[in-house]
Amino acid sequence: MDEGFERVAGVDELPEGQMTAVMLGDGKELLLVHTGGSFFALDIMCTHQEAWLDSGFFHRESMEVECPLHEGRFDVRTGAVTCPPPTEPIATYEVAVEGDGVFVRAGS
């Protein structure tokens, strides 16, 4: 595995179509989403009013995570806002799968 990646989960720990909170070694919490055979990592807090996105909803058809507070949505692939009220995108992180592990590039 390339330098800068941290293991955050096992491939089998997160079923297809689900999302969960994971933590990097520095204590930073991220949202990990498993869909379409791929994993995506994003900041866990909504950019609108700091609601925890792991308490929200994942829409598999549109690849969006929905904030539980005001129903704003973000594309899990890019972090782009797809439905207001948020106006700022959410940070995304590079993810790699190696063997049975899911790794996120820390600080990306």
N, C-alpha and C. Protein backbone atom coordinates (compact mmCIF):
# COMPACT_ATOMS: atom_id res chain seq x y z
N MET A 1 0.85 -1.18 0.00
CA MET A 1 0.00 0.00 0.00
C MET A 1 0.89 1.24 0.00
N ASP A 2 0.52 2.23 -0.79
CA ASP A 2 1.28 3.47 -0.87
C ASP A 2 1.30 4.19 0.47
N GLU A 3 2.35 4.95 0.67
CA GLU A 3 2.48 5.74 1.89
C GLU A 3 1.33 6.75 1.99
N GLY A 4 0.87 6.99 3.18
CA GLY A 4 -0.19 7.97 3.39
C GLY A 4 -1.57 7.36 3.49
N PHE A 5 -1.70 6.08 3.17
CA PHE A 5 -3.00 5.41 3.29
C PHE A 5 -3.11 4.76 4.66
N GLU A 6 -4.31 4.81 5.24
CA GLU A 6 -4.59 4.16 6.51
C GLU A 6 -5.75 3.20 6.33
N ARG A 7 -5.63 2.04 6.94
CA ARG A 7 -6.73 1.07 6.91
C ARG A 7 -7.85 1.59 7.81
N VAL A 8 -9.09 1.63 7.26
CA VAL A 8 -10.23 2.12 8.04
C VAL A 8 -11.30 1.06 8.23
N ALA A 9 -11.26 -0.01 7.44
CA ALA A 9 -12.28 -1.06 7.55
C ALA A 9 -11.85 -2.28 6.75
N GLY A 10 -12.51 -3.37 7.02
CA GLY A 10 -12.37 -4.56 6.20
C GLY A 10 -13.44 -4.53 5.12
N VAL A 11 -13.13 -5.09 3.98
CA VAL A 11 -14.08 -5.10 2.86
C VAL A 11 -15.42 -5.70 3.28
N ASP A 12 -15.38 -6.76 4.07
CA ASP A 12 -16.60 -7.45 4.47
C ASP A 12 -17.35 -6.78 5.63
N GLU A 13 -16.78 -5.74 6.21
CA GLU A 13 -17.41 -5.07 7.35
C GLU A 13 -18.55 -4.14 6.95
N LEU A 14 -18.55 -3.69 5.71
CA LEU A 14 -19.56 -2.73 5.26
C LEU A 14 -20.30 -3.31 4.06
N PRO A 15 -21.55 -3.74 4.25
CA PRO A 15 -22.32 -4.32 3.15
C PRO A 15 -22.56 -3.33 2.01
N GLU A 16 -22.70 -3.86 0.82
CA GLU A 16 -23.06 -3.06 -0.36
C GLU A 16 -24.29 -2.22 -0.07
N GLY A 17 -24.24 -0.94 -0.47
CA GLY A 17 -25.37 -0.03 -0.30
C GLY A 17 -25.48 0.60 1.07
N GLN A 18 -24.44 0.42 1.89
CA GLN A 18 -24.47 0.96 3.25
C GLN A 18 -23.38 2.01 3.44
N MET A 19 -23.48 2.76 4.54
CA MET A 19 -22.47 3.73 4.92
C MET A 19 -22.25 3.64 6.42
N THR A 20 -21.07 4.08 6.86
CA THR A 20 -20.73 4.04 8.28
C THR A 20 -19.66 5.07 8.58
N ALA A 21 -19.55 5.42 9.85
CA ALA A 21 -18.48 6.29 10.30
C ALA A 21 -17.22 5.47 10.51
N VAL A 22 -16.07 6.02 10.11
CA VAL A 22 -14.77 5.40 10.34
C VAL A 22 -13.83 6.48 10.86
N MET A 23 -12.75 6.06 11.49
CA MET A 23 -11.83 7.03 12.06
C MET A 23 -10.42 6.80 11.56
N LEU A 24 -9.75 7.90 11.22
CA LEU A 24 -8.34 7.84 10.86
C LEU A 24 -7.51 7.84 12.14
N GLY A 25 -6.25 7.54 12.02
CA GLY A 25 -5.37 7.47 13.17
C GLY A 25 -5.23 8.77 13.93
N ASP A 26 -5.43 9.90 13.25
CA ASP A 26 -5.32 11.19 13.93
C ASP A 26 -6.62 11.60 14.61
N GLY A 27 -7.62 10.71 14.61
CA GLY A 27 -8.90 11.00 15.26
C GLY A 27 -9.93 11.64 14.35
N LYS A 28 -9.57 11.92 13.11
CA LYS A 28 -10.52 12.52 12.17
C LYS A 28 -11.55 11.46 11.77
N GLU A 29 -12.83 11.82 11.90
CA GLU A 29 -13.91 10.90 11.54
C GLU A 29 -14.37 11.18 10.12
N LEU A 30 -14.59 10.11 9.36
CA LEU A 30 -15.04 10.20 7.97
C LEU A 30 -16.27 9.32 7.78
N LEU A 31 -16.96 9.56 6.69
CA LEU A 31 -18.08 8.73 6.27
C LEU A 31 -17.57 7.81 5.16
N LEU A 32 -17.75 6.50 5.34
CA LEU A 32 -17.35 5.53 4.33
C LEU A 32 -18.62 4.94 3.73
N VAL A 33 -18.69 4.95 2.39
CA VAL A 33 -19.86 4.46 1.65
C VAL A 33 -19.41 3.33 0.74
N HIS A 34 -20.19 2.25 0.70
CA HIS A 34 -19.90 1.11 -0.18
C HIS A 34 -21.07 0.97 -1.16
N THR A 35 -20.78 1.19 -2.43
CA THR A 35 -21.83 1.06 -3.44
C THR A 35 -21.23 0.75 -4.80
N GLY A 36 -21.95 -0.04 -5.58
CA GLY A 36 -21.49 -0.39 -6.91
C GLY A 36 -20.15 -1.08 -6.92
N GLY A 37 -19.82 -1.77 -5.84
CA GLY A 37 -18.54 -2.45 -5.75
C GLY A 37 -17.38 -1.54 -5.41
N SER A 38 -17.64 -0.27 -5.17
CA SER A 38 -16.59 0.70 -4.83
C SER A 38 -16.85 1.30 -3.45
N PHE A 39 -15.79 1.84 -2.88
CA PHE A 39 -15.87 2.54 -1.60
C PHE A 39 -15.55 4.01 -1.81
N PHE A 40 -16.25 4.87 -1.08
CA PHE A 40 -16.05 6.31 -1.15
C PHE A 40 -15.93 6.85 0.27
N ALA A 41 -15.04 7.83 0.47
CA ALA A 41 -14.86 8.44 1.78
C ALA A 41 -15.06 9.95 1.67
N LEU A 42 -15.81 10.49 2.62
CA LEU A 42 -16.14 11.91 2.65
C LEU A 42 -16.04 12.42 4.09
N ASP A 43 -15.96 13.73 4.24
CA ASP A 43 -16.10 14.30 5.57
C ASP A 43 -17.45 13.87 6.13
N ILE A 44 -17.53 13.70 7.42
CA ILE A 44 -18.75 13.18 8.03
C ILE A 44 -19.74 14.28 8.40
N MET A 45 -19.29 15.54 8.40
CA MET A 45 -20.16 16.64 8.79
C MET A 45 -20.70 17.39 7.57
N CYS A 46 -21.99 17.66 7.57
CA CYS A 46 -22.61 18.47 6.53
C CYS A 46 -22.01 19.88 6.57
N THR A 47 -21.80 20.46 5.41
CA THR A 47 -21.22 21.81 5.33
C THR A 47 -22.25 22.90 5.62
N HIS A 48 -23.51 22.53 5.75
CA HIS A 48 -24.55 23.51 6.01
C HIS A 48 -24.64 23.88 7.48
N GLN A 49 -24.98 22.91 8.33
CA GLN A 49 -25.09 23.21 9.75
C GLN A 49 -24.51 22.12 10.63
N GLU A 50 -23.46 21.48 10.16
CA GLU A 50 -22.69 20.51 10.92
C GLU A 50 -23.51 19.37 11.50
N ALA A 51 -24.38 18.79 10.71
CA ALA A 51 -25.10 17.58 11.10
C ALA A 51 -24.24 16.38 10.72
N TRP A 52 -24.35 15.30 11.47
CA TRP A 52 -23.60 14.07 11.22
C TRP A 52 -24.24 13.30 10.06
N LEU A 53 -23.53 13.17 8.96
CA LEU A 53 -24.08 12.50 7.78
C LEU A 53 -24.27 11.01 7.96
N ASP A 54 -23.57 10.39 8.91
CA ASP A 54 -23.79 8.96 9.12
C ASP A 54 -25.15 8.68 9.74
N SER A 55 -25.83 9.75 10.22
CA SER A 55 -27.20 9.62 10.72
C SER A 55 -28.22 9.92 9.62
N GLY A 56 -27.72 10.23 8.42
CA GLY A 56 -28.60 10.55 7.30
C GLY A 56 -28.95 9.32 6.49
N PHE A 57 -29.14 9.52 5.21
CA PHE A 57 -29.61 8.46 4.32
C PHE A 57 -28.70 8.37 3.10
N PHE A 58 -28.52 7.15 2.60
CA PHE A 58 -27.77 6.96 1.36
C PHE A 58 -28.74 6.54 0.28
N HIS A 59 -28.72 7.26 -0.83
CA HIS A 59 -29.57 6.98 -1.99
C HIS A 59 -28.72 6.30 -3.05
N ARG A 60 -28.83 4.98 -3.15
CA ARG A 60 -27.99 4.20 -4.07
C ARG A 60 -28.20 4.61 -5.53
N GLU A 61 -29.45 4.85 -5.91
CA GLU A 61 -29.75 5.14 -7.32
C GLU A 61 -29.04 6.40 -7.80
N SER A 62 -28.98 7.41 -6.95
CA SER A 62 -28.39 8.69 -7.36
C SER A 62 -26.99 8.91 -6.81
N MET A 63 -26.49 7.94 -6.00
CA MET A 63 -25.14 8.05 -5.41
C MET A 63 -25.01 9.29 -4.52
N GLU A 64 -26.06 9.56 -3.74
CA GLU A 64 -26.07 10.74 -2.87
C GLU A 64 -26.25 10.34 -1.41
N VAL A 65 -25.60 11.12 -0.56
CA VAL A 65 -25.85 11.01 0.87
C VAL A 65 -26.70 12.24 1.25
N GLU A 66 -27.73 11.98 2.06
CA GLU A 66 -28.68 13.03 2.45
C GLU A 66 -28.49 13.38 3.91
N CYS A 67 -28.37 14.65 4.19
CA CYS A 67 -28.21 15.14 5.55
C CYS A 67 -29.52 14.92 6.33
N PRO A 68 -29.43 14.45 7.58
CA PRO A 68 -30.65 14.21 8.35
C PRO A 68 -31.31 15.48 8.86
N LEU A 69 -30.61 16.59 8.83
CA LEU A 69 -31.15 17.82 9.41
C LEU A 69 -32.06 18.59 8.46
N HIS A 70 -31.56 18.95 7.29
CA HIS A 70 -32.35 19.76 6.35
C HIS A 70 -32.47 19.13 4.97
N GLU A 71 -32.12 17.85 4.85
CA GLU A 71 -32.29 17.08 3.62
C GLU A 71 -31.42 17.54 2.44
N GLY A 72 -30.36 18.28 2.73
CA GLY A 72 -29.39 18.59 1.68
C GLY A 72 -28.71 17.31 1.24
N ARG A 73 -28.22 17.29 0.00
CA ARG A 73 -27.59 16.08 -0.53
C ARG A 73 -26.24 16.40 -1.16
N PHE A 74 -25.36 15.37 -1.10
CA PHE A 74 -24.02 15.46 -1.68
C PHE A 74 -23.76 14.21 -2.51
N ASP A 75 -23.08 14.38 -3.65
CA ASP A 75 -22.66 13.26 -4.48
C ASP A 75 -21.49 12.58 -3.77
N VAL A 76 -21.59 11.28 -3.49
CA VAL A 76 -20.54 10.60 -2.74
C VAL A 76 -19.25 10.46 -3.56
N ARG A 77 -19.33 10.56 -4.87
CA ARG A 77 -18.15 10.42 -5.72
C ARG A 77 -17.31 11.69 -5.75
N THR A 78 -17.97 12.85 -5.72
CA THR A 78 -17.27 14.12 -5.90
C THR A 78 -17.39 15.07 -4.72
N GLY A 79 -18.37 14.86 -3.85
CA GLY A 79 -18.62 15.77 -2.75
C GLY A 79 -19.46 16.97 -3.14
N ALA A 80 -19.85 17.07 -4.41
CA ALA A 80 -20.62 18.22 -4.89
C ALA A 80 -22.01 18.25 -4.25
N VAL A 81 -22.50 19.45 -3.99
CA VAL A 81 -23.87 19.62 -3.50
C VAL A 81 -24.82 19.30 -4.65
N THR A 82 -25.79 18.44 -4.39
CA THR A 82 -26.77 18.09 -5.43
C THR A 82 -28.17 18.57 -5.06
N CYS A 83 -28.36 18.97 -3.81
CA CYS A 83 -29.65 19.48 -3.36
C CYS A 83 -29.41 20.41 -2.18
N PRO A 84 -29.82 21.69 -2.28
CA PRO A 84 -29.64 22.61 -1.17
C PRO A 84 -30.52 22.23 0.02
N PRO A 85 -30.24 22.76 1.20
CA PRO A 85 -29.65 24.06 1.45
C PRO A 85 -28.14 24.18 1.47
N PRO A 86 -27.32 23.11 1.57
CA PRO A 86 -25.87 23.34 1.54
C PRO A 86 -25.47 24.04 0.25
N THR A 87 -24.46 24.89 0.34
CA THR A 87 -23.91 25.55 -0.84
C THR A 87 -22.46 25.18 -1.06
N GLU A 88 -21.80 24.67 -0.02
CA GLU A 88 -20.39 24.29 -0.10
C GLU A 88 -20.28 22.78 -0.26
N PRO A 89 -19.41 22.32 -1.16
CA PRO A 89 -19.22 20.88 -1.31
C PRO A 89 -18.58 20.29 -0.06
N ILE A 90 -18.59 18.99 0.02
CA ILE A 90 -18.00 18.27 1.14
C ILE A 90 -16.69 17.64 0.65
N ALA A 91 -15.69 17.62 1.51
CA ALA A 91 -14.39 17.06 1.13
C ALA A 91 -14.50 15.55 0.91
N THR A 92 -13.80 15.06 -0.11
CA THR A 92 -13.72 13.63 -0.39
C THR A 92 -12.27 13.19 -0.21
N TYR A 93 -12.08 11.88 -0.05
CA TYR A 93 -10.76 11.33 0.20
C TYR A 93 -10.53 10.14 -0.71
N GLU A 94 -9.28 9.97 -1.12
CA GLU A 94 -8.92 8.86 -1.99
C GLU A 94 -9.02 7.54 -1.21
N VAL A 95 -9.65 6.55 -1.84
CA VAL A 95 -9.85 5.24 -1.22
C VAL A 95 -9.18 4.18 -2.09
N ALA A 96 -8.57 3.20 -1.44
CA ALA A 96 -7.99 2.06 -2.14
C ALA A 96 -8.41 0.79 -1.41
N VAL A 97 -8.60 -0.27 -2.18
CA VAL A 97 -8.90 -1.58 -1.60
C VAL A 97 -7.73 -2.48 -1.95
N GLU A 98 -7.18 -3.10 -0.91
CA GLU A 98 -6.08 -4.04 -1.11
C GLU A 98 -6.33 -5.25 -0.23
N GLY A 99 -6.39 -6.42 -0.85
CA GLY A 99 -6.71 -7.62 -0.10
C GLY A 99 -8.09 -7.49 0.51
N ASP A 100 -8.19 -7.68 1.82
CA ASP A 100 -9.48 -7.57 2.50
C ASP A 100 -9.64 -6.23 3.21
N GLY A 101 -8.75 -5.27 2.92
CA GLY A 101 -8.79 -3.98 3.62
C GLY A 101 -9.24 -2.83 2.75
N VAL A 102 -9.89 -1.86 3.40
CA VAL A 102 -10.26 -0.59 2.77
C VAL A 102 -9.38 0.47 3.39
N PHE A 103 -8.68 1.23 2.54
CA PHE A 103 -7.71 2.21 2.99
C PHE A 103 -8.09 3.59 2.48
N VAL A 104 -7.86 4.61 3.31
CA VAL A 104 -8.13 6.00 2.92
C VAL A 104 -6.82 6.76 3.03
N ARG A 105 -6.55 7.62 2.02
CA ARG A 105 -5.35 8.46 2.07
C ARG A 105 -5.60 9.57 3.09
N ALA A 106 -4.86 9.54 4.15
CA ALA A 106 -4.99 10.54 5.21
C ALA A 106 -4.51 11.90 4.69
N GLY A 107 -5.23 12.93 5.09
CA GLY A 107 -4.82 14.28 4.73
C GLY A 107 -5.09 14.65 3.28
N SER A 108 -5.83 13.83 2.55
CA SER A 108 -6.10 14.18 1.14
C SER A 108 -7.33 15.04 1.01
